[in-house]
C-alpha cells in the first residue's frame, strides 16, 4: 500500500489532517516549558485548573487511535468503527478547544477574539462531517461482515 493511498483514499485526507492537528497540539504542550503560561489565549485553560499533562495525554491518545484506525482502514473490519469513535472524540476535543479559546473574549477578559476559537471551530465542523461519513462506513462494513 502506498502512502498516497493511505492519506487520500476515499477522501480521508481531512481525517488525517484533524488527527495530525490533535497530535501537534498535544506534542506542543508536552514540550519543555509552560506553554499555557506563555500566552493570554490560554487563560481559560489555566483558570479551569488544567495543565499541559492533563491536556497532552488524552489528546495524544485520541490522535494515535485515530491515526491507527486510518492506517489500517479496511484491512480490519472494525476500523470504520474506530474511525467513527475517533471522529466523535475529535468533535468533542475541538469543540472544547474552540470554547476555551473563545472564553476570555466572551467573558470580557480579552478585547479581541483569539484565532484559536475560529480555527478549532472549523476543525470541529469537519470532524462532525467525518463522524457522519464514518458512521456510513460502519454501516457498510457491518452489512459486508
Protein backbone atom coordinates (compact mmCIF):
# COMPACT_ATOMS: atom_id res chain seq x y z
CA UNK A 1 0.00 0.00 0.00
CA UNK A 2 1.37 3.39 -0.99
CA UNK A 3 1.39 6.36 1.37
CA UNK A 4 -0.75 8.31 -1.09
CA UNK A 5 -3.40 5.56 -0.84
CA UNK A 6 -3.34 5.72 2.97
CA UNK A 7 -3.70 9.51 3.02
CA UNK A 8 -6.01 10.19 0.10
CA UNK A 9 -8.02 7.01 -0.46
CA UNK A 10 -11.75 7.78 -0.35
CA UNK A 11 -11.13 11.39 0.69
CA UNK A 12 -9.78 10.72 4.17
CA UNK A 13 -7.12 13.44 3.99
CA UNK A 14 -9.22 15.72 6.23
CA UNK A 15 -9.40 12.98 8.88
CA UNK A 16 -5.62 12.68 8.68
CA UNK A 17 -5.30 16.46 8.96
CA UNK A 18 -7.51 16.78 12.05
CA UNK A 19 -5.73 13.81 13.65
CA UNK A 20 -2.38 15.46 12.93
CA UNK A 21 -3.69 18.74 14.40
CA UNK A 22 -4.59 16.92 17.62
CA UNK A 23 -1.17 15.27 17.76
CA UNK A 24 0.65 18.55 17.05
CA UNK A 25 -1.36 20.29 19.80
CA UNK A 26 -0.53 17.51 22.28
CA UNK A 27 3.18 17.34 21.35
CA UNK A 28 3.49 21.13 21.61
CA UNK A 29 2.02 21.00 25.12
CA UNK A 30 4.33 18.13 26.08
CA UNK A 31 7.49 20.00 25.08
CA UNK A 32 9.53 21.60 27.88
CA UNK A 33 8.31 24.96 29.10
CA UNK A 34 4.99 26.25 30.36
CA UNK A 35 3.00 26.67 27.16
CA UNK A 36 -0.20 27.60 28.98
CA UNK A 37 1.52 30.47 30.79
CA UNK A 38 3.14 31.77 27.61
CA UNK A 39 0.03 33.32 26.08
CA UNK A 40 -3.07 35.07 27.41
CA UNK A 41 -5.08 32.97 24.95
CA UNK A 42 -4.64 30.05 27.34
CA UNK A 43 -6.07 31.98 30.33
CA UNK A 44 -9.26 29.93 30.44
CA UNK A 45 -7.27 26.68 30.49
CA UNK A 46 -5.27 27.92 33.48
CA UNK A 47 -8.44 29.21 35.19
CA UNK A 48 -10.01 25.77 34.78
CA UNK A 49 -7.03 24.23 36.59
CA UNK A 50 -5.71 22.41 33.54
CA UNK A 51 -2.04 21.85 32.91
CA UNK A 52 -0.06 20.59 29.94
CA UNK A 53 -0.12 16.94 31.02
CA UNK A 54 -3.88 16.98 31.64
CA UNK A 55 -4.38 18.09 28.04
CA UNK A 56 -1.49 16.41 26.22
CA UNK A 57 -2.06 12.84 27.38
CA UNK A 58 -5.71 12.30 26.38
CA UNK A 59 -5.36 14.32 23.18
CA UNK A 60 -2.28 12.35 22.10
CA UNK A 61 -4.09 9.04 22.77
CA UNK A 62 -7.07 10.17 20.71
CA UNK A 63 -4.78 11.27 17.86
CA UNK A 64 -2.84 7.98 17.94
CA UNK A 65 -6.05 5.92 17.96
CA UNK A 66 -7.43 7.89 15.02
CA UNK A 67 -4.22 7.51 13.04
CA UNK A 68 -4.13 3.77 13.72
CA UNK A 69 -7.74 3.45 12.53
CA UNK A 70 -6.98 5.45 9.41
CA UNK A 71 -3.83 3.45 8.67
CA UNK A 72 -5.46 0.02 8.97
CA UNK A 73 -8.64 1.27 7.33
CA UNK A 74 -10.33 -1.56 5.51
CA UNK A 75 -7.71 -4.17 6.44
CA UNK A 76 -9.52 -4.78 9.74
CA UNK A 77 -13.33 -5.00 9.68
CA UNK A 78 -13.69 -2.84 12.81
CA UNK A 79 -11.52 0.06 11.54
CA UNK A 80 -14.53 2.16 10.42
CA UNK A 81 -15.91 1.93 13.97
CA UNK A 82 -12.52 3.03 15.35
CA UNK A 83 -12.52 5.93 12.88
CA UNK A 84 -16.05 6.91 13.88
CA UNK A 85 -15.22 6.89 17.59
CA UNK A 86 -12.09 8.92 16.86
CA UNK A 87 -14.04 11.48 14.83
CA UNK A 88 -16.66 11.84 17.58
CA UNK A 89 -13.89 12.31 20.16
CA UNK A 90 -12.28 14.82 17.79
CA UNK A 91 -15.55 16.78 17.65
CA UNK A 92 -15.54 16.92 21.45
CA UNK A 93 -11.90 17.96 21.72
CA UNK A 94 -12.13 20.60 19.01
CA UNK A 95 -15.39 22.00 20.45
CA UNK A 96 -13.71 22.13 23.88
CA UNK A 97 -10.65 23.90 22.44
CA UNK A 98 -12.74 26.39 20.45
CA UNK A 99 -14.79 27.18 23.56
CA UNK A 100 -11.75 27.53 25.81
CA UNK A 101 -10.05 29.87 23.32
CA UNK A 102 -13.25 31.93 22.96
CA UNK A 103 -13.97 32.15 26.70
CA UNK A 104 -11.60 35.05 27.54
CA UNK A 105 -13.25 37.15 24.82
CA UNK A 106 -16.78 36.03 25.73
CA UNK A 107 -16.24 36.95 29.40
CA UNK A 108 -14.65 40.32 28.58
CA UNK A 109 -11.15 39.37 29.76
CA UNK A 110 -9.76 39.98 26.25
CA UNK A 111 -10.76 42.71 23.83
CA UNK A 112 -10.24 40.53 20.74
CA UNK A 113 -11.26 37.01 19.88
CA UNK A 114 -8.26 34.69 19.56
CA UNK A 115 -7.57 32.89 16.30
CA UNK A 116 -7.78 29.51 18.05
CA UNK A 117 -11.52 29.88 18.58
CA UNK A 118 -12.27 30.01 14.87
CA UNK A 119 -9.64 27.52 13.76
CA UNK A 120 -10.76 24.86 16.24
CA UNK A 121 -14.44 25.55 15.49
CA UNK A 122 -13.75 24.79 11.81
CA UNK A 123 -11.86 21.61 12.76
CA UNK A 124 -14.84 20.64 14.93
CA UNK A 125 -17.22 21.06 11.99
CA UNK A 126 -15.05 18.94 9.70
CA UNK A 127 -14.72 16.21 12.32
CA UNK A 128 -18.50 16.29 12.66
CA UNK A 129 -18.68 15.66 8.92
CA UNK A 130 -16.10 12.86 9.32
CA UNK A 131 -18.16 11.30 12.12
CA UNK A 132 -21.21 11.29 9.86
CA UNK A 133 -19.23 9.82 6.98
CA UNK A 134 -17.55 7.13 9.07
CA UNK A 135 -20.94 6.21 10.52
CA UNK A 136 -21.99 5.34 6.98
CA UNK A 137 -18.76 3.32 6.58
CA UNK A 138 -19.56 1.42 9.79
CA UNK A 139 -22.99 0.51 8.43
CA UNK A 140 -21.44 -0.57 5.14
CA UNK A 141 -18.80 -2.77 6.84
CA UNK A 142 -21.45 -4.42 9.05
CA UNK A 143 -23.55 -5.31 6.00
CA UNK A 144 -20.47 -6.85 4.36
CA UNK A 145 -19.35 -8.69 7.53
